[in-house]
Structure formats: structure tokens, C-alpha cells
N, C-alpha and C. Protein backbone atom coordinates (compact mmCIF):
# COMPACT_ATOMS: atom_id res chain seq x y z
N UNK A 1 0.81 -1.19 0.00
CA UNK A 1 0.00 0.00 0.00
C UNK A 1 0.86 1.26 0.00
N UNK A 2 1.97 1.24 0.70
CA UNK A 2 2.86 2.39 0.76
C UNK A 2 3.50 2.62 -0.60
N UNK A 3 3.79 1.56 -1.34
CA UNK A 3 4.40 1.68 -2.67
C UNK A 3 3.47 2.42 -3.63
N UNK A 4 2.18 2.17 -3.56
CA UNK A 4 1.22 2.87 -4.40
C UNK A 4 1.19 4.36 -4.09
N UNK A 5 1.26 4.69 -2.83
CA UNK A 5 1.27 6.10 -2.44
C UNK A 5 2.52 6.80 -2.95
N UNK A 6 3.65 6.13 -2.90
CA UNK A 6 4.90 6.71 -3.40
C UNK A 6 4.82 6.91 -4.91
N UNK A 7 4.31 5.93 -5.62
CA UNK A 7 4.17 6.03 -7.08
C UNK A 7 3.22 7.16 -7.45
N UNK A 8 2.09 7.26 -6.77
CA UNK A 8 1.14 8.33 -7.03
C UNK A 8 1.74 9.70 -6.71
N UNK A 9 2.52 9.78 -5.64
CA UNK A 9 3.18 11.02 -5.27
C UNK A 9 4.18 11.44 -6.34
N UNK A 10 4.97 10.51 -6.85
CA UNK A 10 5.94 10.81 -7.90
C UNK A 10 5.24 11.25 -9.18
N UNK A 11 4.16 10.59 -9.54
CA UNK A 11 3.40 10.98 -10.73
C UNK A 11 2.81 12.37 -10.55
N UNK A 12 2.29 12.67 -9.38
CA UNK A 12 1.73 13.99 -9.10
C UNK A 12 2.80 15.07 -9.20
N UNK A 13 3.97 14.84 -8.65
CA UNK A 13 5.07 15.80 -8.73
C UNK A 13 5.48 16.01 -10.19
N UNK A 14 5.55 14.95 -10.97
CA UNK A 14 5.91 15.06 -12.38
C UNK A 14 4.87 15.88 -13.15
N UNK A 15 3.59 15.64 -12.89
CA UNK A 15 2.54 16.38 -13.59
C UNK A 15 2.58 17.86 -13.24
N UNK A 16 2.83 18.17 -11.98
CA UNK A 16 2.94 19.58 -11.58
C UNK A 16 4.14 20.23 -12.25
N UNK A 17 5.26 19.53 -12.30
CA UNK A 17 6.46 20.06 -12.95
C UNK A 17 6.20 20.29 -14.44
N UNK A 18 5.59 19.32 -15.11
CA UNK A 18 5.32 19.44 -16.54
C UNK A 18 4.33 20.56 -16.82
N UNK A 19 3.37 20.77 -15.95
CA UNK A 19 2.37 21.80 -16.14
C UNK A 19 2.98 23.19 -16.05
N UNK A 20 3.84 23.41 -15.07
CA UNK A 20 4.38 24.75 -14.86
C UNK A 20 5.66 25.04 -15.65
N UNK A 21 6.51 24.05 -15.82
CA UNK A 21 7.80 24.30 -16.45
C UNK A 21 7.86 23.81 -17.89
N UNK A 22 7.00 22.93 -18.30
CA UNK A 22 7.00 22.40 -19.66
C UNK A 22 6.59 23.44 -20.69
N UNK A 23 5.61 24.26 -20.39
CA UNK A 23 5.12 25.28 -21.34
C UNK A 23 6.15 26.38 -21.53
N UNK A 24 6.79 26.82 -20.48
CA UNK A 24 7.77 27.89 -20.60
C UNK A 24 8.93 27.49 -21.50
N UNK A 25 9.35 26.26 -21.40
CA UNK A 25 10.44 25.79 -22.23
C UNK A 25 10.03 25.78 -23.71
N UNK A 26 8.80 25.42 -24.00
CA UNK A 26 8.34 25.37 -25.38
C UNK A 26 8.20 26.75 -26.00
N UNK A 27 7.79 27.76 -25.24
CA UNK A 27 7.64 29.10 -25.79
C UNK A 27 8.98 29.79 -25.96
N UNK A 28 9.97 29.39 -25.18
CA UNK A 28 11.29 29.99 -25.29
C UNK A 28 12.06 29.47 -26.49
N UNK A 29 11.88 28.21 -26.83
CA UNK A 29 12.61 27.59 -27.93
C UNK A 29 11.89 27.85 -29.24
N UNK A 30 12.30 28.90 -29.95
CA UNK A 30 11.69 29.22 -31.24
C UNK A 30 12.63 28.79 -32.34
N UNK A 31 12.05 28.40 -33.43
CA UNK A 31 12.85 28.00 -34.58
C UNK A 31 13.33 29.26 -35.30
N UNK A 32 14.65 29.46 -35.42
CA UNK A 32 15.15 30.67 -36.06
C UNK A 32 14.73 30.82 -37.53
N UNK A 33 14.42 29.71 -38.18
CA UNK A 33 14.02 29.80 -39.58
C UNK A 33 12.64 30.42 -39.74
N UNK A 34 11.82 30.43 -38.66
CA UNK A 34 10.50 31.02 -38.73
C UNK A 34 10.53 32.54 -38.56
N UNK A 35 11.64 33.07 -38.05
CA UNK A 35 11.76 34.50 -37.83
C UNK A 35 12.30 35.15 -39.10
N UNK A 36 11.78 36.33 -39.42
CA UNK A 36 12.20 37.03 -40.63
C UNK A 36 13.32 38.01 -40.30
N UNK A 37 14.25 38.11 -41.20
CA UNK A 37 15.36 39.05 -41.05
C UNK A 37 14.83 40.46 -41.25
N UNK A 38 15.23 41.36 -40.36
CA UNK A 38 14.82 42.76 -40.44
C UNK A 38 15.98 43.58 -40.99
N UNK A 39 15.67 44.51 -41.90
CA UNK A 39 16.68 45.40 -42.47
C UNK A 39 16.26 46.84 -42.25
N UNK A 40 17.24 47.74 -42.26
CA UNK A 40 16.98 49.15 -42.01
C UNK A 40 16.89 49.90 -43.33
N UNK A 41 15.88 50.74 -43.46
CA UNK A 41 15.72 51.58 -44.64
C UNK A 41 16.88 52.57 -44.69
N UNK A 42 17.52 52.68 -45.84
CA UNK A 42 18.67 53.57 -45.99
C UNK A 42 18.26 55.04 -45.92
N UNK A 43 17.00 55.35 -46.20
CA UNK A 43 16.55 56.75 -46.22
C UNK A 43 16.01 57.21 -44.86
N UNK A 44 15.03 56.49 -44.33
CA UNK A 44 14.35 56.96 -43.11
C UNK A 44 14.71 56.17 -41.86
N UNK A 45 15.55 55.17 -41.98
CA UNK A 45 16.05 54.37 -40.85
C UNK A 45 14.97 53.54 -40.15
N UNK A 46 13.88 53.26 -40.84
CA UNK A 46 12.83 52.40 -40.32
C UNK A 46 13.20 50.95 -40.60
N UNK A 47 12.91 50.05 -39.65
CA UNK A 47 13.18 48.64 -39.87
C UNK A 47 11.97 47.97 -40.51
N UNK A 48 12.25 47.10 -41.48
CA UNK A 48 11.21 46.40 -42.23
C UNK A 48 11.69 44.99 -42.51
N UNK A 49 10.74 44.06 -42.67
CA UNK A 49 11.09 42.69 -43.02
C UNK A 49 11.72 42.63 -44.40
N UNK A 50 12.72 41.79 -44.55
CA UNK A 50 13.45 41.73 -45.81
C UNK A 50 12.56 41.28 -46.97
N UNK A 51 11.52 40.53 -46.68
CA UNK A 51 10.63 40.08 -47.76
C UNK A 51 9.78 41.23 -48.31
N UNK A 52 9.59 42.30 -47.53
CA UNK A 52 8.80 43.45 -47.97
C UNK A 52 9.66 44.62 -48.43
N UNK A 53 10.96 44.54 -48.21
CA UNK A 53 11.85 45.65 -48.53
C UNK A 53 12.10 45.75 -50.04
N UNK A 54 12.43 46.96 -50.47
CA UNK A 54 12.79 47.23 -51.86
C UNK A 54 14.30 47.38 -51.89
N UNK A 55 14.96 46.61 -52.74
CA UNK A 55 16.42 46.67 -52.82
C UNK A 55 16.82 47.44 -54.08
N UNK A 56 17.65 48.46 -53.88
CA UNK A 56 18.11 49.27 -54.99
C UNK A 56 19.56 49.66 -54.73
N UNK A 57 20.41 49.40 -55.68
CA UNK A 57 21.84 49.73 -55.58
C UNK A 57 22.48 49.15 -54.33
N UNK A 58 22.06 47.94 -53.95
CA UNK A 58 22.64 47.26 -52.80
C UNK A 58 22.13 47.75 -51.46
N UNK A 59 21.16 48.66 -51.44
CA UNK A 59 20.59 49.18 -50.20
C UNK A 59 19.12 48.78 -50.13
N UNK A 60 18.61 48.72 -48.90
CA UNK A 60 17.21 48.37 -48.69
C UNK A 60 16.41 49.62 -48.33
N UNK A 61 15.17 49.65 -48.87
CA UNK A 61 14.27 50.78 -48.61
C UNK A 61 12.91 50.23 -48.19
N UNK A 62 12.18 51.02 -47.37
CA UNK A 62 10.89 50.56 -46.86
C UNK A 62 9.75 50.82 -47.85
N UNK A 63 9.93 51.78 -48.75
CA UNK A 63 8.86 52.12 -49.69
C UNK A 63 9.46 52.65 -50.98
N UNK A 64 8.60 52.79 -51.97
CA UNK A 64 9.06 53.35 -53.25
C UNK A 64 9.42 54.83 -53.07
N UNK A 65 8.74 55.50 -52.18
CA UNK A 65 9.03 56.90 -51.93
C UNK A 65 10.46 57.06 -51.40
N UNK A 66 10.84 56.22 -50.45
CA UNK A 66 12.19 56.28 -49.90
C UNK A 66 13.23 55.87 -50.95
N UNK A 67 12.88 54.92 -51.79
CA UNK A 67 13.81 54.44 -52.80
C UNK A 67 13.82 55.33 -54.05
N UNK A 68 12.84 56.24 -54.11
CA UNK A 68 12.66 57.11 -55.27
C UNK A 68 12.57 56.31 -56.56
N UNK A 69 11.74 55.25 -56.47
CA UNK A 69 11.49 54.39 -57.62
C UNK A 69 10.22 54.87 -58.29
N UNK A 70 10.26 55.07 -59.59
CA UNK A 70 9.05 55.48 -60.34
C UNK A 70 8.45 54.27 -60.99
N UNK A 71 7.12 54.20 -60.92
CA UNK A 71 6.40 53.10 -61.56
C UNK A 71 5.43 53.59 -62.57
């Protein structure tokens, strides 16, 4: 009977540990490939995601206005 109580106590401690500390570990470990690289606009110094940036003459710009690109 004492062995069952010890086993249940160990399981209870494990569940409490997993509940409080398991989630924090998962939110802290992010995959770097999911994060987008941020670049600074050469004109106004605003940061923008590289997928949305306009590249001209080796520099990144946040908009056509900053890049002075005519369309």
C-alpha cells in the first residue's frame, strides 16, 4: 500500500512540474528559420522585413518613396 502512495506522489510531482515548467520551455525555444530578417531603410532608418523591402543599388528601402522608384 505504501508503494502505491509513493508512485502516485511521484506521478503527481511530475505532472505539476510538466504543467508549470514544460510550457515555458516550449515558448522559449523558437525556430530561427520562422523568424524574418529585419533590415533598415537607408533613407528613413525604419526597420522592415526583408521580404517586404525594396532593394536598390545594394541598399534596402521601406517604400518606393524612400527608394525614389518610379512606376
